[in-house]
């Protein structure tokens, strides 16, 4: 399908949430940002050594930056600042993918594994970026 038709279809349908009208594209971005914020508090890394186990959440590292970028992306999509929304979503995606993949590769002997929060962070960051990209493509018309 044509991405412009998908974007038009998503922006033509609206949902009313306590007096605020949101189109489906904004709703996708908002829900993925909420999932990303929740995922920052879930175990991102899990380490097991000699029977001892420890989990680390993303909020103890760069999680606050990811939360701020997700909120900024939501605000930019809502106020139709589409190029800025795409930029903040892209920075958020790169930050999270770096933390979940490249940073994990630098650990020793496979003792550290990616937890549920890491997978949820990656998924929500990708959906947030796709939503911002679709909003940006709508603005290009």
N, C-alpha and C. Protein backbone atom coordinates (compact mmCIF):
# COMPACT_ATOMS: atom_id res chain seq x y z
N UNK A 1 0.82 -1.19 0.00
CA UNK A 1 0.00 0.00 0.00
C UNK A 1 0.87 1.25 0.00
N UNK A 2 0.29 2.31 -0.45
CA UNK A 2 0.96 3.60 -0.49
C UNK A 2 0.99 4.20 0.92
N UNK A 3 2.17 4.64 1.40
CA UNK A 3 2.23 5.21 2.75
C UNK A 3 1.37 6.46 2.92
N UNK A 4 1.20 7.23 1.85
CA UNK A 4 0.36 8.43 1.96
C UNK A 4 -1.10 8.06 2.20
N UNK A 5 -1.55 6.98 1.58
CA UNK A 5 -2.93 6.54 1.80
C UNK A 5 -3.11 6.02 3.23
N UNK A 6 -2.09 5.32 3.72
CA UNK A 6 -2.15 4.83 5.10
C UNK A 6 -2.23 6.01 6.07
N UNK A 7 -1.40 7.01 5.82
CA UNK A 7 -1.39 8.19 6.69
C UNK A 7 -2.72 8.94 6.63
N UNK A 8 -3.25 9.11 5.43
CA UNK A 8 -4.54 9.79 5.30
C UNK A 8 -5.64 9.02 6.02
N UNK A 9 -5.61 7.71 5.90
CA UNK A 9 -6.60 6.87 6.57
C UNK A 9 -6.49 6.99 8.09
N UNK A 10 -5.26 7.00 8.60
CA UNK A 10 -5.06 7.11 10.04
C UNK A 10 -5.44 8.49 10.57
N UNK A 11 -5.19 9.53 9.79
CA UNK A 11 -5.50 10.87 10.26
C UNK A 11 -6.95 11.26 10.05
N UNK A 12 -7.67 10.53 9.20
CA UNK A 12 -9.08 10.87 8.97
C UNK A 12 -9.99 10.35 10.08
N UNK A 13 -9.57 9.34 10.77
CA UNK A 13 -10.38 8.77 11.86
C UNK A 13 -9.95 9.38 13.18
N UNK A 14 -10.93 9.74 13.99
CA UNK A 14 -10.64 10.38 15.27
C UNK A 14 -11.30 9.62 16.41
N UNK A 15 -10.71 9.77 17.57
CA UNK A 15 -11.27 9.22 18.79
C UNK A 15 -11.32 10.36 19.81
N UNK A 16 -12.37 10.39 20.61
CA UNK A 16 -12.56 11.43 21.60
C UNK A 16 -12.25 10.86 22.98
N UNK A 17 -11.22 11.39 23.62
CA UNK A 17 -10.82 10.93 24.94
C UNK A 17 -10.99 12.09 25.91
N UNK A 18 -12.05 12.08 26.66
CA UNK A 18 -12.39 13.09 27.66
C UNK A 18 -12.28 14.50 27.10
N UNK A 19 -12.86 14.72 25.95
CA UNK A 19 -12.90 16.04 25.35
C UNK A 19 -11.75 16.37 24.42
N UNK A 20 -10.72 15.53 24.39
CA UNK A 20 -9.60 15.75 23.49
C UNK A 20 -9.77 14.87 22.25
N UNK A 21 -9.73 15.48 21.10
CA UNK A 21 -9.85 14.72 19.86
C UNK A 21 -8.46 14.34 19.37
N UNK A 22 -8.25 13.06 19.21
CA UNK A 22 -6.99 12.54 18.70
C UNK A 22 -7.28 11.69 17.48
N UNK A 23 -6.48 11.85 16.45
CA UNK A 23 -6.63 10.94 15.32
C UNK A 23 -5.83 9.67 15.63
N UNK A 24 -6.02 8.65 14.81
CA UNK A 24 -5.39 7.36 15.09
C UNK A 24 -3.87 7.43 15.05
N UNK A 25 -3.32 8.28 14.21
CA UNK A 25 -1.87 8.42 14.12
C UNK A 25 -1.31 8.99 15.43
N UNK A 26 -1.96 10.01 15.95
CA UNK A 26 -1.54 10.56 17.24
C UNK A 26 -1.71 9.54 18.35
N UNK A 27 -2.77 8.76 18.28
CA UNK A 27 -3.02 7.74 19.29
C UNK A 27 -1.93 6.67 19.28
N UNK A 28 -1.50 6.27 18.09
CA UNK A 28 -0.41 5.29 17.97
C UNK A 28 0.86 5.83 18.61
N UNK A 29 1.17 7.09 18.33
CA UNK A 29 2.38 7.71 18.90
C UNK A 29 2.26 7.81 20.41
N UNK A 30 1.10 8.22 20.92
CA UNK A 30 0.93 8.38 22.36
C UNK A 30 1.01 7.05 23.09
N UNK A 31 0.37 6.02 22.55
CA UNK A 31 0.39 4.71 23.20
C UNK A 31 1.81 4.12 23.19
N UNK A 32 2.52 4.27 22.08
CA UNK A 32 3.88 3.74 22.05
C UNK A 32 4.79 4.51 23.00
N UNK A 33 4.56 5.80 23.19
CA UNK A 33 5.34 6.57 24.15
C UNK A 33 5.04 6.13 25.59
N UNK A 34 3.78 5.85 25.86
CA UNK A 34 3.42 5.37 27.20
C UNK A 34 4.05 4.01 27.47
N UNK A 35 4.03 3.14 26.47
CA UNK A 35 4.66 1.82 26.63
C UNK A 35 6.17 1.99 26.84
N UNK A 36 6.77 2.92 26.13
CA UNK A 36 8.21 3.16 26.29
C UNK A 36 8.53 3.68 27.68
N UNK A 37 7.71 4.57 28.20
CA UNK A 37 7.93 5.09 29.55
C UNK A 37 7.82 3.98 30.59
N UNK A 38 6.82 3.13 30.45
CA UNK A 38 6.67 2.01 31.38
C UNK A 38 7.84 1.04 31.25
N UNK A 39 8.29 0.80 30.02
CA UNK A 39 9.39 -0.14 29.78
C UNK A 39 10.70 0.34 30.38
N UNK A 40 10.85 1.65 30.56
CA UNK A 40 12.08 2.17 31.18
C UNK A 40 12.23 1.70 32.62
N UNK A 41 11.14 1.34 33.27
CA UNK A 41 11.19 0.90 34.66
C UNK A 41 11.23 -0.62 34.80
N UNK A 42 11.10 -1.34 33.70
CA UNK A 42 11.16 -2.80 33.73
C UNK A 42 12.61 -3.27 33.60
N UNK A 43 12.90 -4.51 33.98
CA UNK A 43 14.29 -5.01 33.88
C UNK A 43 14.78 -5.04 32.43
N UNK A 44 15.83 -4.27 32.19
CA UNK A 44 16.40 -4.22 30.84
C UNK A 44 17.49 -5.26 30.67
N UNK A 45 18.37 -5.36 31.65
CA UNK A 45 19.44 -6.36 31.63
C UNK A 45 19.27 -7.27 32.83
N UNK A 46 19.59 -8.52 32.63
CA UNK A 46 19.59 -9.49 33.71
C UNK A 46 20.93 -10.21 33.69
N UNK A 47 21.61 -10.22 34.83
CA UNK A 47 22.92 -10.87 34.93
C UNK A 47 22.81 -12.00 35.94
N UNK A 48 23.38 -13.15 35.57
CA UNK A 48 23.40 -14.31 36.47
C UNK A 48 24.82 -14.85 36.57
N UNK A 49 25.32 -14.90 37.80
CA UNK A 49 26.66 -15.42 38.05
C UNK A 49 26.62 -16.28 39.30
N UNK A 50 27.02 -17.54 39.17
CA UNK A 50 27.12 -18.48 40.29
C UNK A 50 25.85 -18.52 41.14
N UNK A 51 24.71 -18.51 40.51
CA UNK A 51 23.45 -18.62 41.22
C UNK A 51 22.87 -17.29 41.67
N UNK A 52 23.63 -16.23 41.58
CA UNK A 52 23.13 -14.92 41.94
C UNK A 52 22.62 -14.22 40.69
N UNK A 53 21.52 -13.52 40.85
CA UNK A 53 20.91 -12.84 39.71
C UNK A 53 20.63 -11.38 40.08
N UNK A 54 20.82 -10.52 39.08
CA UNK A 54 20.58 -9.10 39.29
C UNK A 54 19.97 -8.50 38.03
N UNK A 55 19.04 -7.59 38.21
CA UNK A 55 18.40 -6.93 37.07
C UNK A 55 18.64 -5.43 37.16
N UNK A 56 18.78 -4.82 36.00
CA UNK A 56 19.00 -3.38 35.91
C UNK A 56 17.94 -2.81 34.97
N UNK A 57 17.28 -1.75 35.41
CA UNK A 57 16.30 -1.11 34.54
C UNK A 57 16.96 0.03 33.78
N UNK A 58 16.32 0.47 32.72
CA UNK A 58 16.88 1.50 31.85
C UNK A 58 16.83 2.88 32.50
N UNK A 59 15.97 3.06 33.47
CA UNK A 59 15.85 4.36 34.13
C UNK A 59 17.12 4.67 34.93
N UNK A 60 17.87 3.65 35.31
CA UNK A 60 19.11 3.88 36.04
C UNK A 60 20.23 4.35 35.12
N UNK A 61 20.02 4.28 33.81
CA UNK A 61 21.01 4.76 32.85
C UNK A 61 20.49 5.96 32.10
N UNK A 62 20.25 5.78 30.82
CA UNK A 62 19.78 6.86 29.96
C UNK A 62 18.27 6.91 29.83
N UNK A 63 17.57 6.27 30.72
CA UNK A 63 16.12 6.19 30.63
C UNK A 63 15.42 7.53 30.71
N UNK A 64 15.97 8.45 31.49
CA UNK A 64 15.33 9.76 31.61
C UNK A 64 15.38 10.51 30.28
N UNK A 65 16.46 10.32 29.53
CA UNK A 65 16.54 10.96 28.21
C UNK A 65 15.54 10.35 27.24
N UNK A 66 15.37 9.04 27.31
CA UNK A 66 14.40 8.37 26.45
C UNK A 66 12.98 8.82 26.79
N UNK A 67 12.69 8.99 28.06
CA UNK A 67 11.37 9.47 28.47
C UNK A 67 11.13 10.88 27.97
N UNK A 68 12.11 11.75 28.12
CA UNK A 68 11.97 13.13 27.65
C UNK A 68 11.81 13.19 26.13
N UNK A 69 12.54 12.35 25.41
CA UNK A 69 12.42 12.33 23.96
C UNK A 69 11.05 11.80 23.52
N UNK A 70 10.53 10.80 24.23
CA UNK A 70 9.21 10.27 23.91
C UNK A 70 8.12 11.31 24.16
N UNK A 71 8.23 12.04 25.26
CA UNK A 71 7.26 13.09 25.56
C UNK A 71 7.37 14.22 24.53
N UNK A 72 8.59 14.57 24.15
CA UNK A 72 8.79 15.62 23.15
C UNK A 72 8.21 15.20 21.80
N UNK A 73 8.37 13.93 21.45
CA UNK A 73 7.80 13.44 20.19
C UNK A 73 6.28 13.52 20.22
N UNK A 74 5.68 13.14 21.33
CA UNK A 74 4.22 13.23 21.46
C UNK A 74 3.75 14.68 21.31
N UNK A 75 4.42 15.59 21.98
CA UNK A 75 4.02 17.00 21.90
C UNK A 75 4.17 17.53 20.48
N UNK A 76 5.25 17.15 19.82
CA UNK A 76 5.47 17.64 18.46
C UNK A 76 4.45 17.07 17.47
N UNK A 77 4.08 15.82 17.65
CA UNK A 77 3.06 15.22 16.77
C UNK A 77 1.70 15.88 17.04
N UNK A 78 1.41 16.14 18.30
CA UNK A 78 0.12 16.74 18.65
C UNK A 78 0.01 18.17 18.10
N UNK A 79 1.10 18.94 18.20
CA UNK A 79 1.08 20.32 17.73
C UNK A 79 1.52 20.47 16.27
N UNK A 80 1.64 19.33 15.59
CA UNK A 80 1.95 19.27 14.15
C UNK A 80 3.31 19.89 13.80
N UNK A 81 4.29 19.72 14.66
CA UNK A 81 5.67 20.07 14.37
C UNK A 81 6.36 18.80 13.87
N UNK A 82 5.98 18.38 12.69
CA UNK A 82 6.34 17.05 12.19
C UNK A 82 7.82 16.82 11.97
N UNK A 83 8.60 17.77 11.42
CA UNK A 83 10.04 17.51 11.27
C UNK A 83 10.75 17.36 12.62
N UNK A 84 10.33 18.13 13.60
CA UNK A 84 10.93 18.02 14.94
C UNK A 84 10.55 16.69 15.57
N UNK A 85 9.31 16.26 15.37
CA UNK A 85 8.86 14.97 15.90
C UNK A 85 9.67 13.83 15.30
N UNK A 86 9.94 13.91 14.00
CA UNK A 86 10.74 12.87 13.36
C UNK A 86 12.16 12.86 13.91
N UNK A 87 12.71 14.03 14.14
CA UNK A 87 14.07 14.11 14.69
C UNK A 87 14.16 13.56 16.10
N UNK A 88 13.22 13.93 16.96
CA UNK A 88 13.27 13.43 18.34
C UNK A 88 13.00 11.92 18.38
N UNK A 89 12.11 11.43 17.54
CA UNK A 89 11.85 9.99 17.51
C UNK A 89 13.06 9.23 16.98
N UNK A 90 13.78 9.80 16.02
CA UNK A 90 14.97 9.15 15.48
C UNK A 90 16.08 9.10 16.53
N UNK A 91 16.29 10.19 17.26
CA UNK A 91 17.30 10.20 18.32
C UNK A 91 16.93 9.19 19.41
N UNK A 92 15.66 9.12 19.75
CA UNK A 92 15.18 8.16 20.74
C UNK A 92 15.42 6.73 20.28
N UNK A 93 15.14 6.46 19.02
CA UNK A 93 15.35 5.12 18.47
C UNK A 93 16.82 4.73 18.50
N UNK A 94 17.69 5.63 18.08
CA UNK A 94 19.13 5.34 18.07
C UNK A 94 19.64 5.12 19.49
N UNK A 95 19.20 5.95 20.43
CA UNK A 95 19.62 5.83 21.82
C UNK A 95 19.23 4.47 22.39
N UNK A 96 18.01 4.05 22.14
CA UNK A 96 17.52 2.79 22.69
C UNK A 96 18.16 1.59 21.99
N UNK A 97 18.28 1.65 20.67
CA UNK A 97 18.91 0.53 19.96
C UNK A 97 20.37 0.38 20.36
N UNK A 98 21.06 1.49 20.59
CA UNK A 98 22.44 1.41 21.06
C UNK A 98 22.51 0.74 22.43
N UNK A 99 21.63 1.17 23.31
CA UNK A 99 21.64 0.61 24.66
C UNK A 99 21.27 -0.86 24.67
N UNK A 100 20.38 -1.28 23.79
CA UNK A 100 19.90 -2.66 23.80
C UNK A 100 20.79 -3.62 23.01
N UNK A 101 21.48 -3.14 22.00
CA UNK A 101 22.24 -4.06 21.15
C UNK A 101 23.75 -3.88 21.28
N UNK A 102 24.27 -2.74 20.94
CA UNK A 102 25.71 -2.55 20.95
C UNK A 102 26.29 -2.59 22.35
N UNK A 103 25.59 -2.00 23.28
CA UNK A 103 26.07 -2.01 24.65
C UNK A 103 26.07 -3.42 25.22
N UNK A 104 25.12 -4.23 24.84
CA UNK A 104 25.03 -5.60 25.32
C UNK A 104 26.14 -6.46 24.73
N UNK A 105 26.57 -6.14 23.51
CA UNK A 105 27.62 -6.90 22.86
C UNK A 105 28.95 -6.75 23.57
N UNK A 106 29.14 -5.65 24.29
CA UNK A 106 30.41 -5.39 24.96
C UNK A 106 30.54 -6.13 26.28
N UNK A 107 29.53 -6.84 26.72
CA UNK A 107 29.61 -7.57 27.98
C UNK A 107 30.41 -8.84 27.78
N UNK A 108 30.84 -9.42 28.87
CA UNK A 108 31.74 -10.56 28.80
C UNK A 108 31.01 -11.88 28.96
N UNK A 109 31.37 -12.83 28.15
CA UNK A 109 31.01 -14.24 28.26
C UNK A 109 29.52 -14.53 28.28
N UNK A 110 28.69 -13.63 27.83
CA UNK A 110 27.26 -13.87 27.75
C UNK A 110 26.56 -13.97 29.08
N UNK A 111 27.14 -13.39 30.11
CA UNK A 111 26.53 -13.46 31.43
C UNK A 111 25.36 -12.49 31.57
N UNK A 112 25.36 -11.46 30.77
CA UNK A 112 24.30 -10.45 30.81
C UNK A 112 23.36 -10.68 29.64
N UNK A 113 22.08 -10.76 29.95
CA UNK A 113 21.08 -10.99 28.90
C UNK A 113 20.07 -9.84 28.90
N UNK A 114 19.52 -9.61 27.72
CA UNK A 114 18.51 -8.58 27.57
C UNK A 114 17.20 -9.06 28.19
N UNK A 115 16.62 -8.22 29.04
CA UNK A 115 15.39 -8.59 29.72
C UNK A 115 14.15 -8.14 28.96
N UNK A 116 13.00 -8.36 29.58
CA UNK A 116 11.72 -8.03 28.97
C UNK A 116 11.62 -6.53 28.68
N UNK A 117 12.12 -5.71 29.57
CA UNK A 117 12.08 -4.26 29.37
C UNK A 117 12.88 -3.82 28.16
N UNK A 118 13.98 -4.49 27.88
CA UNK A 118 14.79 -4.14 26.71
C UNK A 118 14.06 -4.42 25.42
N UNK A 119 13.42 -5.58 25.35
CA UNK A 119 12.65 -5.91 24.14
C UNK A 119 11.46 -4.97 23.96
N UNK A 120 10.80 -4.65 25.07
CA UNK A 120 9.65 -3.74 25.00
C UNK A 120 10.09 -2.33 24.62
N UNK A 121 11.25 -1.91 25.11
CA UNK A 121 11.79 -0.60 24.73
C UNK A 121 12.07 -0.53 23.24
N UNK A 122 12.71 -1.56 22.70
CA UNK A 122 13.02 -1.56 21.27
C UNK A 122 11.74 -1.52 20.44
N UNK A 123 10.76 -2.33 20.80
CA UNK A 123 9.51 -2.37 20.06
C UNK A 123 8.78 -1.02 20.11
N UNK A 124 8.70 -0.43 21.28
CA UNK A 124 7.99 0.84 21.40
C UNK A 124 8.73 1.97 20.70
N UNK A 125 10.06 1.95 20.71
CA UNK A 125 10.83 2.99 20.01
C UNK A 125 10.65 2.88 18.50
N UNK A 126 10.58 1.65 18.00
CA UNK A 126 10.36 1.47 16.55
C UNK A 126 8.97 1.95 16.16
N UNK A 127 7.96 1.62 16.95
CA UNK A 127 6.59 2.06 16.65
C UNK A 127 6.48 3.58 16.76
N UNK A 128 7.14 4.16 17.76
CA UNK A 128 7.15 5.62 17.91
C UNK A 128 7.78 6.28 16.69
N UNK A 129 8.89 5.72 16.21
CA UNK A 129 9.56 6.29 15.03
C UNK A 129 8.69 6.14 13.78
N UNK A 130 8.06 5.00 13.61
CA UNK A 130 7.19 4.80 12.44
C UNK A 130 6.01 5.76 12.49
N UNK A 131 5.44 5.97 13.66
CA UNK A 131 4.35 6.94 13.79
C UNK A 131 4.79 8.36 13.45
N UNK A 132 5.98 8.75 13.92
CA UNK A 132 6.51 10.08 13.60
C UNK A 132 6.84 10.19 12.12
N UNK A 133 7.34 9.10 11.53
CA UNK A 133 7.65 9.11 10.11
C UNK A 133 6.38 9.26 9.27
N UNK A 134 5.33 8.55 9.65
CA UNK A 134 4.06 8.69 8.93
C UNK A 134 3.49 10.09 9.08
N UNK A 135 3.62 10.68 10.27
CA UNK A 135 3.15 12.05 10.47
C UNK A 135 3.98 13.02 9.62
N UNK A 136 5.27 12.77 9.52
CA UNK A 136 6.13 13.63 8.70
C UNK A 136 5.76 13.52 7.23
N UNK A 137 5.47 12.31 6.77
CA UNK A 137 5.10 12.12 5.37
C UNK A 137 3.77 12.81 5.07
N UNK A 138 2.88 12.86 6.03
CA UNK A 138 1.60 13.57 5.84
C UNK A 138 1.86 15.06 5.68
N UNK A 139 2.82 15.59 6.42
CA UNK A 139 3.15 17.00 6.34
C UNK A 139 3.83 17.39 5.04
N UNK A 140 4.45 16.42 4.37
CA UNK A 140 5.14 16.69 3.11
C UNK A 140 4.18 16.86 1.93
N UNK A 141 2.93 16.46 2.10
CA UNK A 141 1.97 16.54 1.00
C UNK A 141 1.58 17.96 0.69
